[in-house]
Amino acid sequence: MKNSGNTAYIIDSKRTPIGKRNGSLKDVHPVDLLGNLTRDTLAINKIDPH
């Protein structure tokens, strides 16, 4: 299999919070939760996102 340069690796496992409908996370967009999760995972593993 030829490497196209877009290889992804699993570096860690985390999860986002789970909330109830109309609970404390009702105003937080899922993309924002994922962004925080991704940023923190990269920082913890000392990976430069650029």
N, C-alpha and C. Protein backbone atom coordinates (compact mmCIF):
# COMPACT_ATOMS: atom_id res chain seq x y z
N MET A 1 0.85 -1.18 0.00
CA MET A 1 0.00 0.00 0.00
C MET A 1 0.89 1.24 0.00
N LYS A 2 0.64 2.15 -0.90
CA LYS A 2 1.43 3.37 -1.02
C LYS A 2 0.96 4.41 0.00
N ASN A 3 1.92 5.06 0.66
CA ASN A 3 1.61 6.08 1.65
C ASN A 3 1.36 7.40 0.93
N SER A 4 0.17 7.95 1.09
CA SER A 4 -0.17 9.21 0.43
C SER A 4 0.23 10.43 1.25
N GLY A 5 0.82 10.22 2.42
CA GLY A 5 1.20 11.34 3.28
C GLY A 5 0.10 11.79 4.22
N ASN A 6 -1.04 11.17 4.16
CA ASN A 6 -2.17 11.53 5.01
C ASN A 6 -2.48 10.43 6.01
N THR A 7 -1.44 9.86 6.59
CA THR A 7 -1.61 8.76 7.53
C THR A 7 -2.05 9.30 8.89
N ALA A 8 -3.03 8.66 9.49
CA ALA A 8 -3.50 9.04 10.82
C ALA A 8 -3.05 7.98 11.82
N TYR A 9 -2.72 8.41 13.02
CA TYR A 9 -2.30 7.51 14.08
C TYR A 9 -3.13 7.76 15.32
N ILE A 10 -3.47 6.71 16.04
CA ILE A 10 -4.14 6.86 17.33
C ILE A 10 -3.05 7.11 18.37
N ILE A 11 -3.12 8.26 19.05
CA ILE A 11 -2.07 8.62 20.00
C ILE A 11 -2.54 8.58 21.44
N ASP A 12 -3.82 8.59 21.65
CA ASP A 12 -4.35 8.64 23.01
C ASP A 12 -5.86 8.42 22.92
N SER A 13 -6.48 8.18 24.03
CA SER A 13 -7.93 8.07 24.03
C SER A 13 -8.51 8.97 25.10
N LYS A 14 -9.51 9.68 24.74
CA LYS A 14 -10.21 10.59 25.65
C LYS A 14 -11.68 10.52 25.27
N ARG A 15 -12.51 11.14 26.05
CA ARG A 15 -13.92 11.23 25.69
C ARG A 15 -14.47 12.59 26.09
N THR A 16 -15.48 13.00 25.39
CA THR A 16 -16.14 14.26 25.72
C THR A 16 -17.19 14.00 26.79
N PRO A 17 -17.60 15.05 27.49
CA PRO A 17 -18.63 14.86 28.50
C PRO A 17 -19.96 14.44 27.87
N ILE A 18 -20.75 13.75 28.63
CA ILE A 18 -22.08 13.35 28.19
C ILE A 18 -23.08 14.12 29.06
N GLY A 19 -23.99 14.80 28.40
CA GLY A 19 -24.95 15.61 29.15
C GLY A 19 -26.38 15.19 28.89
N LYS A 20 -27.25 15.75 29.67
CA LYS A 20 -28.69 15.50 29.50
C LYS A 20 -29.27 16.56 28.57
N ARG A 21 -30.36 16.22 27.93
CA ARG A 21 -31.04 17.18 27.07
C ARG A 21 -31.41 18.42 27.90
N ASN A 22 -31.05 19.58 27.38
CA ASN A 22 -31.28 20.88 28.03
C ASN A 22 -30.53 20.99 29.36
N GLY A 23 -29.44 20.24 29.49
CA GLY A 23 -28.63 20.30 30.71
C GLY A 23 -27.56 21.38 30.61
N SER A 24 -26.51 21.23 31.38
CA SER A 24 -25.48 22.27 31.48
C SER A 24 -24.67 22.44 30.19
N LEU A 25 -24.71 21.45 29.29
CA LEU A 25 -23.97 21.56 28.03
C LEU A 25 -24.85 21.99 26.85
N LYS A 26 -26.07 22.40 27.13
CA LYS A 26 -27.00 22.71 26.04
C LYS A 26 -26.52 23.84 25.14
N ASP A 27 -25.70 24.74 25.65
CA ASP A 27 -25.22 25.87 24.85
C ASP A 27 -23.84 25.61 24.24
N VAL A 28 -23.30 24.43 24.41
CA VAL A 28 -21.98 24.10 23.89
C VAL A 28 -22.15 23.26 22.62
N HIS A 29 -21.63 23.76 21.51
CA HIS A 29 -21.75 23.04 20.23
C HIS A 29 -20.81 21.84 20.25
N PRO A 30 -21.22 20.71 19.68
CA PRO A 30 -20.37 19.51 19.66
C PRO A 30 -18.99 19.74 19.03
N VAL A 31 -18.92 20.64 18.04
CA VAL A 31 -17.63 20.95 17.42
C VAL A 31 -16.69 21.60 18.43
N ASP A 32 -17.24 22.42 19.32
CA ASP A 32 -16.42 23.05 20.37
C ASP A 32 -15.90 22.00 21.34
N LEU A 33 -16.73 21.02 21.68
CA LEU A 33 -16.26 19.94 22.55
C LEU A 33 -15.12 19.17 21.89
N LEU A 34 -15.27 18.87 20.62
CA LEU A 34 -14.23 18.14 19.89
C LEU A 34 -12.96 18.98 19.77
N GLY A 35 -13.11 20.27 19.53
CA GLY A 35 -11.94 21.15 19.43
C GLY A 35 -11.14 21.16 20.72
N ASN A 36 -11.83 21.28 21.84
CA ASN A 36 -11.16 21.26 23.14
C ASN A 36 -10.45 19.92 23.37
N LEU A 37 -11.13 18.86 23.04
CA LEU A 37 -10.58 17.52 23.20
C LEU A 37 -9.32 17.34 22.34
N THR A 38 -9.39 17.76 21.09
CA THR A 38 -8.25 17.64 20.18
C THR A 38 -7.07 18.49 20.66
N ARG A 39 -7.32 19.73 21.01
CA ARG A 39 -6.26 20.63 21.49
C ARG A 39 -5.58 20.06 22.73
N ASP A 40 -6.36 19.59 23.68
CA ASP A 40 -5.79 19.03 24.91
C ASP A 40 -5.00 17.75 24.64
N THR A 41 -5.50 16.90 23.77
CA THR A 41 -4.79 15.66 23.44
C THR A 41 -3.45 15.95 22.78
N LEU A 42 -3.43 16.91 21.86
CA LEU A 42 -2.17 17.29 21.21
C LEU A 42 -1.19 17.87 22.22
N ALA A 43 -1.68 18.70 23.13
CA ALA A 43 -0.81 19.32 24.13
C ALA A 43 -0.24 18.28 25.10
N ILE A 44 -1.07 17.38 25.58
CA ILE A 44 -0.63 16.35 26.52
C ILE A 44 0.45 15.47 25.90
N ASN A 45 0.31 15.20 24.61
CA ASN A 45 1.26 14.32 23.92
C ASN A 45 2.38 15.08 23.22
N LYS A 46 2.45 16.39 23.47
CA LYS A 46 3.50 17.26 22.94
C LYS A 46 3.62 17.13 21.42
N ILE A 47 2.48 17.26 20.74
CA ILE A 47 2.42 17.18 19.28
C ILE A 47 2.10 18.56 18.73
N ASP A 48 2.94 19.04 17.81
CA ASP A 48 2.71 20.34 17.18
C ASP A 48 1.64 20.15 16.11
N PRO A 49 0.52 20.86 16.20
CA PRO A 49 -0.55 20.67 15.23
C PRO A 49 -0.26 21.27 13.86
N HIS A 50 0.85 21.94 13.71
CA HIS A 50 1.15 22.60 12.42
C HIS A 50 2.10 21.81 11.63
